[in-house]
Amino acid sequence: MRSFLNEQVRSYSIIKLLDELRAKVDSSKGEFVAPNVQFLVQHGYELLDRLDADNASLRTLFSMDDMARVGASDSRTSAHYYFRLTIPTKRLQAYFETTPANAGKERRL
């Protein structure tokens, strides 16, 4: 997800992707189990702050304890690193089962 320019776009992309995944899980009536989901991002803490502002309910899926720092392997970016954000299958499935689809979404009048 490093190709997206800022945290707002990354946050929006994560929200949309998880909305699509939720729709698939909900429409399958138990036949499709949510997978283990991972995102490799720059500026992980800032992204989590942005997710908290955009969709606080969805932000609860991401734990800072589950965030892993990953060094960039390219010689041009040796001083750079990324964060791997992980949502385990059980946590994601439980979230989909217990949280309404529109939870945490901002409402504009």
C-alpha atoms as a PDB file:
ATOM      1  CA  MET A   1       0.000   0.000   0.000  1.00  0.00           C
ATOM      2  CA  ARG A   2       3.012   2.279  -0.213  1.00  0.00           C
ATOM      3  CA  SER A   3       2.006   3.554  -3.637  1.00  0.00           C
ATOM      4  CA  PHE A   4      -0.906   5.504  -2.177  1.00  0.00           C
ATOM      5  CA  LEU A   5       0.092   9.061  -1.387  1.00  0.00           C
ATOM      6  CA  ASN A   6      -1.169   9.678   2.119  1.00  0.00           C
ATOM      7  CA  GLU A   7      -2.814   8.139   5.171  1.00  0.00           C
ATOM      8  CA  GLN A   8      -6.261   9.370   4.143  1.00  0.00           C
ATOM      9  CA  VAL A   9      -6.124   7.437   0.859  1.00  0.00           C
ATOM     10  CA  ARG A  10      -4.631   4.372   2.568  1.00  0.00           C
ATOM     11  CA  SER A  11      -7.328   4.471   5.232  1.00  0.00           C
ATOM     12  CA  TYR A  12     -10.053   4.761   2.599  1.00  0.00           C
ATOM     13  CA  SER A  13      -8.555   1.825   0.681  1.00  0.00           C
ATOM     14  CA  ILE A  14      -8.456  -0.392   3.772  1.00  0.00           C
ATOM     15  CA  ILE A  15     -12.040   0.535   4.681  1.00  0.00           C
ATOM     16  CA  LYS A  16     -13.278  -0.226   1.149  1.00  0.00           C
ATOM     17  CA  LEU A  17     -11.388  -3.508   0.956  1.00  0.00           C
ATOM     18  CA  LEU A  18     -12.764  -4.686   4.299  1.00  0.00           C
ATOM     19  CA  ASP A  19     -16.279  -3.561   3.274  1.00  0.00           C
ATOM     20  CA  GLU A  20     -16.008  -5.767   0.168  1.00  0.00           C
ATOM     21  CA  LEU A  21     -14.703  -8.668   2.227  1.00  0.00           C
ATOM     22  CA  ARG A  22     -17.532  -8.226   4.709  1.00  0.00           C
ATOM     23  CA  ALA A  23     -20.115  -8.232   1.911  1.00  0.00           C
ATOM     24  CA  LYS A  24     -18.697 -11.537   0.669  1.00  0.00           C
ATOM     25  CA  VAL A  25     -18.743 -13.070   4.155  1.00  0.00           C
ATOM     26  CA  ASP A  26     -22.279 -11.796   4.863  1.00  0.00           C
ATOM     27  CA  SER A  27     -23.696 -12.988   1.537  1.00  0.00           C
ATOM     28  CA  SER A  28     -22.200 -16.473   1.861  1.00  0.00           C
ATOM     29  CA  LYS A  29     -24.357 -17.333   4.909  1.00  0.00           C
ATOM     30  CA  GLY A  30     -21.475 -19.036   6.700  1.00  0.00           C
ATOM     31  CA  GLU A  31     -19.933 -20.808   3.718  1.00  0.00           C
ATOM     32  CA  PHE A  32     -17.065 -18.311   3.357  1.00  0.00           C
ATOM     33  CA  VAL A  33     -14.821 -17.677   6.356  1.00  0.00           C
ATOM     34  CA  ALA A  34     -12.916 -14.414   6.582  1.00  0.00           C
ATOM     35  CA  PRO A  35      -9.221 -14.921   5.792  1.00  0.00           C
ATOM     36  CA  ASN A  36      -6.164 -13.748   7.677  1.00  0.00           C
ATOM     37  CA  VAL A  37      -5.589 -10.207   6.335  1.00  0.00           C
ATOM     38  CA  GLN A  38      -2.261  -8.379   6.182  1.00  0.00           C
ATOM     39  CA  PHE A  39      -1.316  -4.914   4.960  1.00  0.00           C
ATOM     40  CA  LEU A  40       2.252  -3.739   4.416  1.00  0.00           C
ATOM     41  CA  VAL A  41       2.286   0.037   4.890  1.00  0.00           C
ATOM     42  CA  GLN A  42       4.539   2.986   5.531  1.00  0.00           C
ATOM     43  CA  HIS A  43       3.791   5.237   8.488  1.00  0.00           C
ATOM     44  CA  GLY A  44       1.825   2.581  10.385  1.00  0.00           C
ATOM     45  CA  TYR A  45       1.110   4.664  13.474  1.00  0.00           C
ATOM     46  CA  GLU A  46      -0.178   7.606  11.448  1.00  0.00           C
ATOM     47  CA  LEU A  47      -2.365   5.257   9.420  1.00  0.00           C
ATOM     48  CA  LEU A  48      -3.883   3.780  12.585  1.00  0.00           C
ATOM     49  CA  ASP A  49      -4.595   7.303  13.855  1.00  0.00           C
ATOM     50  CA  ARG A  50      -6.299   8.103  10.547  1.00  0.00           C
ATOM     51  CA  LEU A  51      -8.332   4.884  10.647  1.00  0.00           C
ATOM     52  CA  ASP A  52      -9.404   5.790  14.175  1.00  0.00           C
ATOM     53  CA  ALA A  53     -10.690   9.136  12.884  1.00  0.00           C
ATOM     54  CA  ASP A  54     -12.344   7.652   9.782  1.00  0.00           C
ATOM     55  CA  ASN A  55     -13.886   4.504  11.262  1.00  0.00           C
ATOM     56  CA  ALA A  56     -13.246   3.919  14.957  1.00  0.00           C
ATOM     57  CA  SER A  57     -15.077   0.597  14.933  1.00  0.00           C
ATOM     58  CA  LEU A  58     -12.865  -0.792  12.173  1.00  0.00           C
ATOM     59  CA  ARG A  59      -9.749   0.526  13.915  1.00  0.00           C
ATOM     60  CA  THR A  60     -10.403  -1.925  16.760  1.00  0.00           C
ATOM     61  CA  LEU A  61      -9.381  -4.753  14.418  1.00  0.00           C
ATOM     62  CA  PHE A  62      -5.789  -3.528  14.370  1.00  0.00           C
ATOM     63  CA  SER A  63      -3.621  -4.014  17.424  1.00  0.00           C
ATOM     64  CA  MET A  64      -0.319  -2.203  17.807  1.00  0.00           C
ATOM     65  CA  ASP A  65       0.961  -5.390  19.451  1.00  0.00           C
ATOM     66  CA  ASP A  66       0.353  -7.217  16.162  1.00  0.00           C
ATOM     67  CA  MET A  67       2.224  -4.591  14.122  1.00  0.00           C
ATOM     68  CA  ALA A  68       5.569  -5.850  12.862  1.00  0.00           C
ATOM     69  CA  ARG A  69       8.311  -3.595  11.565  1.00  0.00           C
ATOM     70  CA  VAL A  70       9.741  -4.811   8.253  1.00  0.00           C
ATOM     71  CA  GLY A  71      12.927  -3.398   6.736  1.00  0.00           C
ATOM     72  CA  ALA A  72      12.953  -2.431   3.078  1.00  0.00           C
ATOM     73  CA  SER A  73      15.139  -4.784   1.055  1.00  0.00           C
ATOM     74  CA  ASP A  74      15.983  -2.425  -1.788  1.00  0.00           C
ATOM     75  CA  SER A  75      19.490  -0.935  -1.526  1.00  0.00           C
ATOM     76  CA  ARG A  76      18.095   2.538  -2.286  1.00  0.00           C
ATOM     77  CA  THR A  77      15.733   2.325   0.696  1.00  0.00           C
ATOM     78  CA  SER A  78      17.915   0.645   3.318  1.00  0.00           C
ATOM     79  CA  ALA A  79      17.036   3.303   5.902  1.00  0.00           C
ATOM     80  CA  HIS A  80      13.309   2.829   5.269  1.00  0.00           C
ATOM     81  CA  TYR A  81      10.961   0.354   6.832  1.00  0.00           C
ATOM     82  CA  TYR A  82       7.333  -0.653   6.648  1.00  0.00           C
ATOM     83  CA  PHE A  83       4.779  -1.945   9.098  1.00  0.00           C
ATOM     84  CA  ARG A  84       2.880  -5.159   8.602  1.00  0.00           C
ATOM     85  CA  LEU A  85      -0.645  -4.763   9.975  1.00  0.00           C
ATOM     86  CA  THR A  86      -2.295  -8.122  10.586  1.00  0.00           C
ATOM     87  CA  ILE A  87      -5.897  -9.073  11.314  1.00  0.00           C
ATOM     88  CA  PRO A  88      -6.102 -12.739  12.345  1.00  0.00           C
ATOM     89  CA  THR A  89      -8.971 -14.784  10.886  1.00  0.00           C
ATOM     90  CA  LYS A  90     -10.699 -15.333  14.245  1.00  0.00           C
ATOM     91  CA  ARG A  91     -10.657 -11.629  15.104  1.00  0.00           C
ATOM     92  CA  LEU A  92     -11.993 -10.603  11.688  1.00  0.00           C
ATOM     93  CA  GLN A  93     -14.708 -13.276  11.661  1.00  0.00           C
ATOM     94  CA  ALA A  94     -15.810 -12.310  15.191  1.00  0.00           C
ATOM     95  CA  TYR A  95     -15.895  -8.632  14.177  1.00  0.00           C
ATOM     96  CA  PHE A  96     -18.101  -9.386  11.157  1.00  0.00           C
ATOM     97  CA  GLU A  97     -20.453 -11.510  13.288  1.00  0.00           C
ATOM     98  CA  THR A  98     -20.856  -9.029  16.143  1.00  0.00           C
ATOM     99  CA  THR A  99     -20.562  -5.593  14.548  1.00  0.00           C
ATOM    100  CA  PRO A 100     -23.206  -3.998  12.301  1.00  0.00           C
ATOM    101  CA  ALA A 101     -22.037  -3.277   8.747  1.00  0.00           C
ATOM    102  CA  ASN A 102     -22.407   0.499   9.188  1.00  0.00           C
ATOM    103  CA  ALA A 103     -20.705   0.686  12.601  1.00  0.00           C
ATOM    104  CA  GLY A 104     -18.217   3.508  12.948  1.00  0.00           C
ATOM    105  CA  LYS A 105     -19.036   5.099   9.628  1.00  0.00           C
ATOM    106  CA  GLU A 106     -19.355   8.826   9.616  1.00  0.00           C
ATOM    107  CA  ARG A 107     -22.775  10.180   8.750  1.00  0.00           C
ATOM    108  CA  ARG A 108     -23.033  13.491   6.918  1.00  0.00           C
ATOM    109  CA  LEU A 109     -26.210  15.496   6.625  1.00  0.00           C
END
